[in-house]
C-alpha cells in the first residue's frame, strides 16, 4: 500500500470565474452541486428500466412521466 512518501507533490491552485450576471461577480452558494443530482437520478431510472427499453432524454421524472416512458419505450 503506497504511503504519503510515494505520491508526487501536489500543487494547489484556484480558478476564479466571476459571474457575468451581476456587478459583483458573485455566485450563490451551492449552485455548482445543483446540476448533478438530476443527471444521476435520470441515469439510475434508465438503468433500472433497461429491460423495458427506457431511454431518459428529459425530466422531470415524476411518477406519471416514468409510467409514460415505460408505455412508449421500445422493448428490447
PDB file of N, CA and C in Angstrom:
ATOM      1  N   UNK A   1       0.846  -1.172   0.000  1.00  0.00           N
ATOM      2  CA  UNK A   1       0.000   0.000   0.000  1.00  0.00           C
ATOM      3  C   UNK A   1       0.900   1.246   0.000  1.00  0.00           C
ATOM      4  N   UNK A   2       0.715   2.144  -0.984  1.00  0.00           N
ATOM      5  CA  UNK A   2       1.531   3.359  -1.022  1.00  0.00           C
ATOM      6  C   UNK A   2       1.275   4.248   0.201  1.00  0.00           C
ATOM      7  N   UNK A   3       2.299   4.962   0.580  1.00  0.00           N
ATOM      8  CA  UNK A   3       2.172   5.924   1.675  1.00  0.00           C
ATOM      9  C   UNK A   3       2.368   7.324   1.109  1.00  0.00           C
ATOM     10  N   UNK A   4       2.271   8.312   1.956  1.00  0.00           N
ATOM     11  CA  UNK A   4       2.434   9.692   1.504  1.00  0.00           C
ATOM     12  C   UNK A   4       3.839   9.960   0.958  1.00  0.00           C
ATOM     13  N   UNK A   5       4.798   9.119   1.282  1.00  0.00           N
ATOM     14  CA  UNK A   5       6.154   9.309   0.773  1.00  0.00           C
ATOM     15  C   UNK A   5       6.277   8.908  -0.697  1.00  0.00           C
ATOM     16  N   UNK A   6       5.355   8.071  -1.191  1.00  0.00           N
ATOM     17  CA  UNK A   6       5.434   7.597  -2.570  1.00  0.00           C
ATOM     18  C   UNK A   6       4.613   8.418  -3.568  1.00  0.00           C
ATOM     19  N   UNK A   7       3.806   9.334  -3.122  1.00  0.00           N
ATOM     20  CA  UNK A   7       2.995  10.112  -4.066  1.00  0.00           C
ATOM     21  C   UNK A   7       3.728  11.398  -4.443  1.00  0.00           C
ATOM     22  N   UNK A   8       3.467  11.921  -5.633  1.00  0.00           N
ATOM     23  CA  UNK A   8       4.142  13.164  -6.034  1.00  0.00           C
ATOM     24  C   UNK A   8       3.613  14.356  -5.237  1.00  0.00           C
ATOM     25  N   UNK A   9       4.400  15.421  -5.231  1.00  0.00           N
ATOM     26  CA  UNK A   9       3.959  16.649  -4.583  1.00  0.00           C
ATOM     27  C   UNK A   9       2.741  17.204  -5.313  1.00  0.00           C
ATOM     28  N   UNK A  10       1.827  17.754  -4.564  1.00  0.00           N
ATOM     29  CA  UNK A  10       0.620  18.329  -5.137  1.00  0.00           C
ATOM     30  C   UNK A  10       0.687  19.847  -5.057  1.00  0.00           C
ATOM     31  N   UNK A  11       0.346  20.500  -6.153  1.00  0.00           N
ATOM     32  CA  UNK A  11       0.262  21.955  -6.175  1.00  0.00           C
ATOM     33  C   UNK A  11      -1.213  22.336  -6.165  1.00  0.00           C
ATOM     34  N   UNK A  12      -1.617  23.092  -5.178  1.00  0.00           N
ATOM     35  CA  UNK A  12      -2.995  23.536  -5.077  1.00  0.00           C
ATOM     36  C   UNK A  12      -3.121  24.879  -5.786  1.00  0.00           C
ATOM     37  N   UNK A  13      -4.216  25.041  -6.511  1.00  0.00           N
ATOM     38  CA  UNK A  13      -4.451  26.272  -7.245  1.00  0.00           C
ATOM     39  C   UNK A  13      -5.937  26.602  -7.181  1.00  0.00           C
ATOM     40  N   UNK A  14      -6.293  27.787  -7.587  1.00  0.00           N
ATOM     41  CA  UNK A  14      -7.680  28.223  -7.569  1.00  0.00           C
ATOM     42  C   UNK A  14      -8.023  28.810  -8.930  1.00  0.00           C
ATOM     43  N   UNK A  15      -9.196  28.430  -9.416  1.00  0.00           N
ATOM     44  CA  UNK A  15      -9.687  29.009 -10.668  1.00  0.00           C
ATOM     45  C   UNK A  15     -10.864  29.899 -10.311  1.00  0.00           C
ATOM     46  N   UNK A  16     -10.738  31.181 -10.603  1.00  0.00           N
ATOM     47  CA  UNK A  16     -11.778  32.138 -10.269  1.00  0.00           C
ATOM     48  C   UNK A  16     -12.529  32.502 -11.543  1.00  0.00           C
ATOM     49  N   UNK A  17     -13.830  32.231 -11.549  1.00  0.00           N
ATOM     50  CA  UNK A  17     -14.671  32.580 -12.693  1.00  0.00           C
ATOM     51  C   UNK A  17     -15.835  33.418 -12.190  1.00  0.00           C
ATOM     52  N   UNK A  18     -15.743  34.732 -12.296  1.00  0.00           N
ATOM     53  CA  UNK A  18     -16.819  35.591 -11.798  1.00  0.00           C
ATOM     54  C   UNK A  18     -18.097  35.414 -12.618  1.00  0.00           C
ATOM     55  N   UNK A  19     -19.205  35.590 -11.967  1.00  0.00           N
ATOM     56  CA  UNK A  19     -20.497  35.503 -12.638  1.00  0.00           C
ATOM     57  C   UNK A  19     -20.719  36.751 -13.483  1.00  0.00           C
ATOM     58  N   UNK A  20     -21.119  36.580 -14.735  1.00  0.00           N
ATOM     59  CA  UNK A  20     -21.381  37.751 -15.579  1.00  0.00           C
ATOM     60  C   UNK A  20     -22.782  38.336 -15.359  1.00  0.00           C
ATOM     61  N   UNK A  21     -23.564  37.733 -14.472  1.00  0.00           N
ATOM     62  CA  UNK A  21     -24.960  38.162 -14.331  1.00  0.00           C
ATOM     63  C   UNK A  21     -25.172  39.241 -13.277  1.00  0.00           C
ATOM     64  N   UNK A  22     -24.123  39.631 -12.550  1.00  0.00           N
ATOM     65  CA  UNK A  22     -24.285  40.709 -11.579  1.00  0.00           C
ATOM     66  C   UNK A  22     -23.009  41.534 -11.500  1.00  0.00           C
ATOM     67  N   UNK A  23     -23.112  42.723 -10.932  1.00  0.00           N
ATOM     68  CA  UNK A  23     -21.979  43.653 -10.885  1.00  0.00           C
ATOM     69  C   UNK A  23     -20.834  43.169 -10.000  1.00  0.00           C
ATOM     70  N   UNK A  24     -21.138  42.405  -8.964  1.00  0.00           N
ATOM     71  CA  UNK A  24     -20.090  41.939  -8.055  1.00  0.00           C
ATOM     72  C   UNK A  24     -19.386  40.680  -8.538  1.00  0.00           C
ATOM     73  N   UNK A  25     -19.991  39.971  -9.479  1.00  0.00           N
ATOM     74  CA  UNK A  25     -19.395  38.737  -9.982  1.00  0.00           C
ATOM     75  C   UNK A  25     -19.565  37.559  -9.047  1.00  0.00           C
ATOM     76  N   UNK A  26     -20.471  37.686  -8.079  1.00  0.00           N
ATOM     77  CA  UNK A  26     -20.648  36.618  -7.089  1.00  0.00           C
ATOM     78  C   UNK A  26     -21.656  35.587  -7.577  1.00  0.00           C
ATOM     79  N   UNK A  27     -21.525  34.381  -7.026  1.00  0.00           N
ATOM     80  CA  UNK A  27     -22.444  33.290  -7.333  1.00  0.00           C
ATOM     81  C   UNK A  27     -23.073  32.817  -6.037  1.00  0.00           C
ATOM     82  N   UNK A  28     -24.246  32.243  -6.142  1.00  0.00           N
ATOM     83  CA  UNK A  28     -24.920  31.713  -4.966  1.00  0.00           C
ATOM     84  C   UNK A  28     -24.229  30.470  -4.435  1.00  0.00           C
ATOM     85  N   UNK A  29     -24.313  30.262  -3.164  1.00  0.00           N
ATOM     86  CA  UNK A  29     -23.679  29.110  -2.523  1.00  0.00           C
ATOM     87  C   UNK A  29     -24.360  27.827  -2.962  1.00  0.00           C
ATOM     88  N   UNK A  30     -23.594  26.846  -3.376  1.00  0.00           N
ATOM     89  CA  UNK A  30     -24.125  25.540  -3.704  1.00  0.00           C
ATOM     90  C   UNK A  30     -24.645  25.392  -5.119  1.00  0.00           C
ATOM     91  N   UNK A  31     -24.508  26.380  -5.957  1.00  0.00           N
ATOM     92  CA  UNK A  31     -25.036  26.262  -7.311  1.00  0.00           C
ATOM     93  C   UNK A  31     -24.294  25.223  -8.139  1.00  0.00           C
ATOM     94  N   UNK A  32     -23.029  25.021  -7.875  1.00  0.00           N
ATOM     95  CA  UNK A  32     -22.269  24.032  -8.639  1.00  0.00           C
ATOM     96  C   UNK A  32     -22.753  22.613  -8.415  1.00  0.00           C
ATOM     97  N   UNK A  33     -23.255  22.316  -7.245  1.00  0.00           N
ATOM     98  CA  UNK A  33     -23.723  20.973  -6.948  1.00  0.00           C
ATOM     99  C   UNK A  33     -25.167  20.729  -7.301  1.00  0.00           C
ATOM    100  N   UNK A  34     -25.837  21.712  -7.862  1.00  0.00           N
ATOM    101  CA  UNK A  34     -27.261  21.561  -8.151  1.00  0.00           C
ATOM    102  C   UNK A  34     -27.529  20.905  -9.496  1.00  0.00           C
ATOM    103  N   UNK A  35     -26.508  20.661 -10.286  1.00  0.00           N
ATOM    104  CA  UNK A  35     -26.710  20.124 -11.623  1.00  0.00           C
ATOM    105  C   UNK A  35     -26.665  18.589 -11.630  1.00  0.00           C
ATOM    106  N   UNK A  36     -25.765  18.003 -10.907  1.00  0.00           N
ATOM    107  CA  UNK A  36     -25.545  16.561 -10.973  1.00  0.00           C
ATOM    108  C   UNK A  36     -26.699  15.697 -10.477  1.00  0.00           C
ATOM    109  N   UNK A  37     -27.442  16.036  -9.416  1.00  0.00           N
ATOM    110  CA  UNK A  37     -28.464  15.102  -8.929  1.00  0.00           C
ATOM    111  C   UNK A  37     -29.498  14.704  -9.973  1.00  0.00           C
ATOM    112  N   UNK A  38     -29.943  15.619 -10.815  1.00  0.00           N
ATOM    113  CA  UNK A  38     -30.920  15.266 -11.830  1.00  0.00           C
ATOM    114  C   UNK A  38     -30.351  14.262 -12.821  1.00  0.00           C
ATOM    115  N   UNK A  39     -29.119  14.454 -13.230  1.00  0.00           N
ATOM    116  CA  UNK A  39     -28.486  13.531 -14.172  1.00  0.00           C
ATOM    117  C   UNK A  39     -28.275  12.163 -13.539  1.00  0.00           C
ATOM    118  N   UNK A  40     -27.892  12.146 -12.278  1.00  0.00           N
ATOM    119  CA  UNK A  40     -27.679  10.876 -11.575  1.00  0.00           C
ATOM    120  C   UNK A  40     -28.992  10.123 -11.449  1.00  0.00           C
ATOM    121  N   UNK A  41     -30.060  10.811 -11.091  1.00  0.00           N
ATOM    122  CA  UNK A  41     -31.365  10.161 -10.974  1.00  0.00           C
ATOM    123  C   UNK A  41     -31.855   9.664 -12.330  1.00  0.00           C
ATOM    124  N   UNK A  42     -31.676  10.451 -13.367  1.00  0.00           N
ATOM    125  CA  UNK A  42     -32.090  10.019 -14.703  1.00  0.00           C
ATOM    126  C   UNK A  42     -31.324   8.768 -15.123  1.00  0.00           C
ATOM    127  N   UNK A  43     -30.035   8.732 -14.833  1.00  0.00           N
ATOM    128  CA  UNK A  43     -29.232   7.545 -15.151  1.00  0.00           C
ATOM    129  C   UNK A  43     -29.674   6.326 -14.365  1.00  0.00           C
ATOM    130  N   UNK A  44     -30.013   6.524 -13.097  1.00  0.00           N
ATOM    131  CA  UNK A  44     -30.463   5.408 -12.266  1.00  0.00           C
ATOM    132  C   UNK A  44     -31.799   4.861 -12.757  1.00  0.00           C
ATOM    133  N   UNK A  45     -32.711   5.752 -13.123  1.00  0.00           N
ATOM    134  CA  UNK A  45     -34.014   5.309 -13.643  1.00  0.00           C
ATOM    135  C   UNK A  45     -33.812   4.567 -14.962  1.00  0.00           C
ATOM    136  N   UNK A  46     -32.972   5.101 -15.823  1.00  0.00           N
ATOM    137  CA  UNK A  46     -32.721   4.435 -17.103  1.00  0.00           C
ATOM    138  C   UNK A  46     -32.095   3.064 -16.899  1.00  0.00           C
ATOM    139  N   UNK A  47     -31.149   2.950 -15.977  1.00  0.00           N
ATOM    140  CA  UNK A  47     -30.535   1.646 -15.691  1.00  0.00           C
ATOM    141  C   UNK A  47     -31.561   0.662 -15.138  1.00  0.00           C
ATOM    142  N   UNK A  48     -32.407   1.128 -14.223  1.00  0.00           N
ATOM    143  CA  UNK A  48     -33.397   0.240 -13.612  1.00  0.00           C
ATOM    144  C   UNK A  48     -34.435  -0.224 -14.621  1.00  0.00           C
ATOM    145  N   UNK A  49     -34.742   0.608 -15.598  1.00  0.00           N
ATOM    146  CA  UNK A  49     -35.786   0.283 -16.573  1.00  0.00           C
ATOM    147  C   UNK A  49     -35.216  -0.184 -17.908  1.00  0.00           C
ATOM    148  N   UNK A  50     -33.941  -0.522 -17.930  1.00  0.00           N
ATOM    149  CA  UNK A  50     -33.306  -1.006 -19.160  1.00  0.00           C
ATOM    150  C   UNK A  50     -34.026  -2.217 -19.755  1.00  0.00           C
ATOM    151  N   UNK A  51     -34.538  -3.179 -18.944  1.00  0.00           N
ATOM    152  CA  UNK A  51     -35.268  -4.307 -19.542  1.00  0.00           C
ATOM    153  C   UNK A  51     -36.499  -3.878 -20.342  1.00  0.00           C
ATOM    154  N   UNK A  52     -37.029  -2.713 -20.050  1.00  0.00           N
ATOM    155  CA  UNK A  52     -38.189  -2.202 -20.776  1.00  0.00           C
ATOM    156  C   UNK A  52     -37.787  -1.352 -21.981  1.00  0.00           C
ATOM    157  N   UNK A  53     -36.492  -1.110 -22.147  1.00  0.00           N
ATOM    158  CA  UNK A  53     -36.021  -0.296 -23.268  1.00  0.00           C
ATOM    159  C   UNK A  53     -36.200   1.197 -23.051  1.00  0.00           C
ATOM    160  N   UNK A  54     -36.277   1.624 -21.792  1.00  0.00           N
ATOM    161  CA  UNK A  54     -36.495   3.037 -21.483  1.00  0.00           C
ATOM    162  C   UNK A  54     -35.211   3.831 -21.707  1.00  0.00           C
ATOM    163  N   UNK A  55     -35.349   4.969 -22.371  1.00  0.00           N
ATOM    164  CA  UNK A  55     -34.257   5.920 -22.542  1.00  0.00           C
ATOM    165  C   UNK A  55     -34.756   7.262 -22.023  1.00  0.00           C
ATOM    166  N   UNK A  56     -34.070   7.808 -21.033  1.00  0.00           N
ATOM    167  CA  UNK A  56     -34.466   9.082 -20.432  1.00  0.00           C
ATOM    168  C   UNK A  56     -33.748  10.203 -21.168  1.00  0.00           C
ATOM    169  N   UNK A  57     -34.516  11.081 -21.804  1.00  0.00           N
ATOM    170  CA  UNK A  57     -33.943  12.202 -22.546  1.00  0.00           C
ATOM    171  C   UNK A  57     -34.199  13.544 -21.872  1.00  0.00           C
ATOM    172  N   UNK A  58     -35.210  13.609 -21.006  1.00  0.00           N
ATOM    173  CA  UNK A  58     -35.531  14.879 -20.347  1.00  0.00           C
ATOM    174  C   UNK A  58     -36.300  14.588 -19.068  1.00  0.00           C
ATOM    175  N   UNK A  59     -36.427  15.578 -18.240  1.00  0.00           N
ATOM    176  CA  UNK A  59     -37.175  15.477 -16.994  1.00  0.00           C
ATOM    177  C   UNK A  59     -38.437  16.283 -17.089  1.00  0.00           C
ATOM    178  N   UNK A  60     -39.125  16.431 -16.042  1.00  0.00           N
ATOM    179  CA  UNK A  60     -38.875  15.874 -14.717  1.00  0.00           C
ATOM    180  C   UNK A  60     -39.284  14.399 -14.676  1.00  0.00           C
ATOM    181  N   UNK A  61     -38.744  13.687 -13.712  1.00  0.00           N
ATOM    182  CA  UNK A  61     -39.029  12.261 -13.578  1.00  0.00           C
ATOM    183  C   UNK A  61     -40.099  12.035 -12.518  1.00  0.00           C
ATOM    184  N   UNK A  62     -41.252  12.566 -12.769  1.00  0.00           N
ATOM    185  CA  UNK A  62     -42.389  12.350 -11.873  1.00  0.00           C
ATOM    186  C   UNK A  62     -42.913  10.935 -12.117  1.00  0.00           C
ATOM    187  N   UNK A  63     -43.707  10.396 -11.205  1.00  0.00           N
ATOM    188  CA  UNK A  63     -44.265   9.050 -11.417  1.00  0.00           C
ATOM    189  C   UNK A  63     -45.028   8.928 -12.741  1.00  0.00           C
ATOM    190  N   UNK A  64     -45.794   9.951 -13.090  1.00  0.00           N
ATOM    191  CA  UNK A  64     -46.535   9.880 -14.355  1.00  0.00           C
ATOM    192  C   UNK A  64     -45.592   9.895 -15.553  1.00  0.00           C
ATOM    193  N   UNK A  65     -44.492  10.632 -15.452  1.00  0.00           N
ATOM    194  CA  UNK A  65     -43.505  10.668 -16.544  1.00  0.00           C
ATOM    195  C   UNK A  65     -42.823   9.312 -16.689  1.00  0.00           C
ATOM    196  N   UNK A  66     -42.493   8.654 -15.576  1.00  0.00           N
ATOM    197  CA  UNK A  66     -41.852   7.339 -15.636  1.00  0.00           C
ATOM    198  C   UNK A  66     -42.820   6.322 -16.256  1.00  0.00           C
ATOM    199  N   UNK A  67     -44.097   6.378 -15.883  1.00  0.00           N
ATOM    200  CA  UNK A  67     -45.093   5.478 -16.493  1.00  0.00           C
ATOM    201  C   UNK A  67     -45.177   5.721 -17.999  1.00  0.00           C
ATOM    202  N   UNK A  68     -45.142   6.983 -18.400  1.00  0.00           N
ATOM    203  CA  UNK A  68     -45.173   7.319 -19.825  1.00  0.00           C
ATOM    204  C   UNK A  68     -43.946   6.768 -20.547  1.00  0.00           C
ATOM    205  N   UNK A  69     -42.783   6.880 -19.925  1.00  0.00           N
ATOM    206  CA  UNK A  69     -41.559   6.339 -20.515  1.00  0.00           C
ATOM    207  C   UNK A  69     -41.671   4.830 -20.729  1.00  0.00           C
ATOM    208  N   UNK A  70     -42.219   4.131 -19.747  1.00  0.00           N
ATOM    209  CA  UNK A  70     -42.369   2.680 -19.865  1.00  0.00           C
ATOM    210  C   UNK A  70     -43.367   2.340 -20.974  1.00  0.00           C
ATOM    211  N   UNK A  71     -44.478   3.064 -21.028  1.00  0.00           N
ATOM    212  CA  UNK A  71     -45.506   2.790 -22.047  1.00  0.00           C
ATOM    213  C   UNK A  71     -44.998   3.016 -23.466  1.00  0.00           C
ATOM    214  N   UNK A  72     -44.172   4.040 -23.647  1.00  0.00           N
ATOM    215  CA  UNK A  72     -43.737   4.409 -25.007  1.00  0.00           C
ATOM    216  C   UNK A  72     -42.363   3.869 -25.377  1.00  0.00           C
ATOM    217  N   UNK A  73     -41.754   3.082 -24.497  1.00  0.00           N
ATOM    218  CA  UNK A  73     -40.394   2.584 -24.743  1.00  0.00           C
ATOM    219  C   UNK A  73     -40.397   1.490 -25.811  1.00  0.00           C
ATOM    220  N   UNK A  74     -39.277   1.424 -26.543  1.00  0.00           N
ATOM    221  CA  UNK A  74     -39.063   0.320 -27.470  1.00  0.00           C
ATOM    222  C   UNK A  74     -38.578  -0.870 -26.662  1.00  0.00           C
ATOM    223  N   UNK A  75     -39.329  -1.941 -26.690  1.00  0.00           N
ATOM    224  CA  UNK A  75     -38.946  -3.150 -25.930  1.00  0.00           C
ATOM    225  C   UNK A  75     -37.694  -3.767 -26.535  1.00  0.00           C
ATOM    226  N   UNK A  76     -36.798  -4.154 -25.670  1.00  0.00           N
ATOM    227  CA  UNK A  76     -35.542  -4.789 -26.128  1.00  0.00           C
ATOM    228  C   UNK A  76     -35.785  -6.261 -26.374  1.00  0.00           C
TER     229      UNK A  76
END
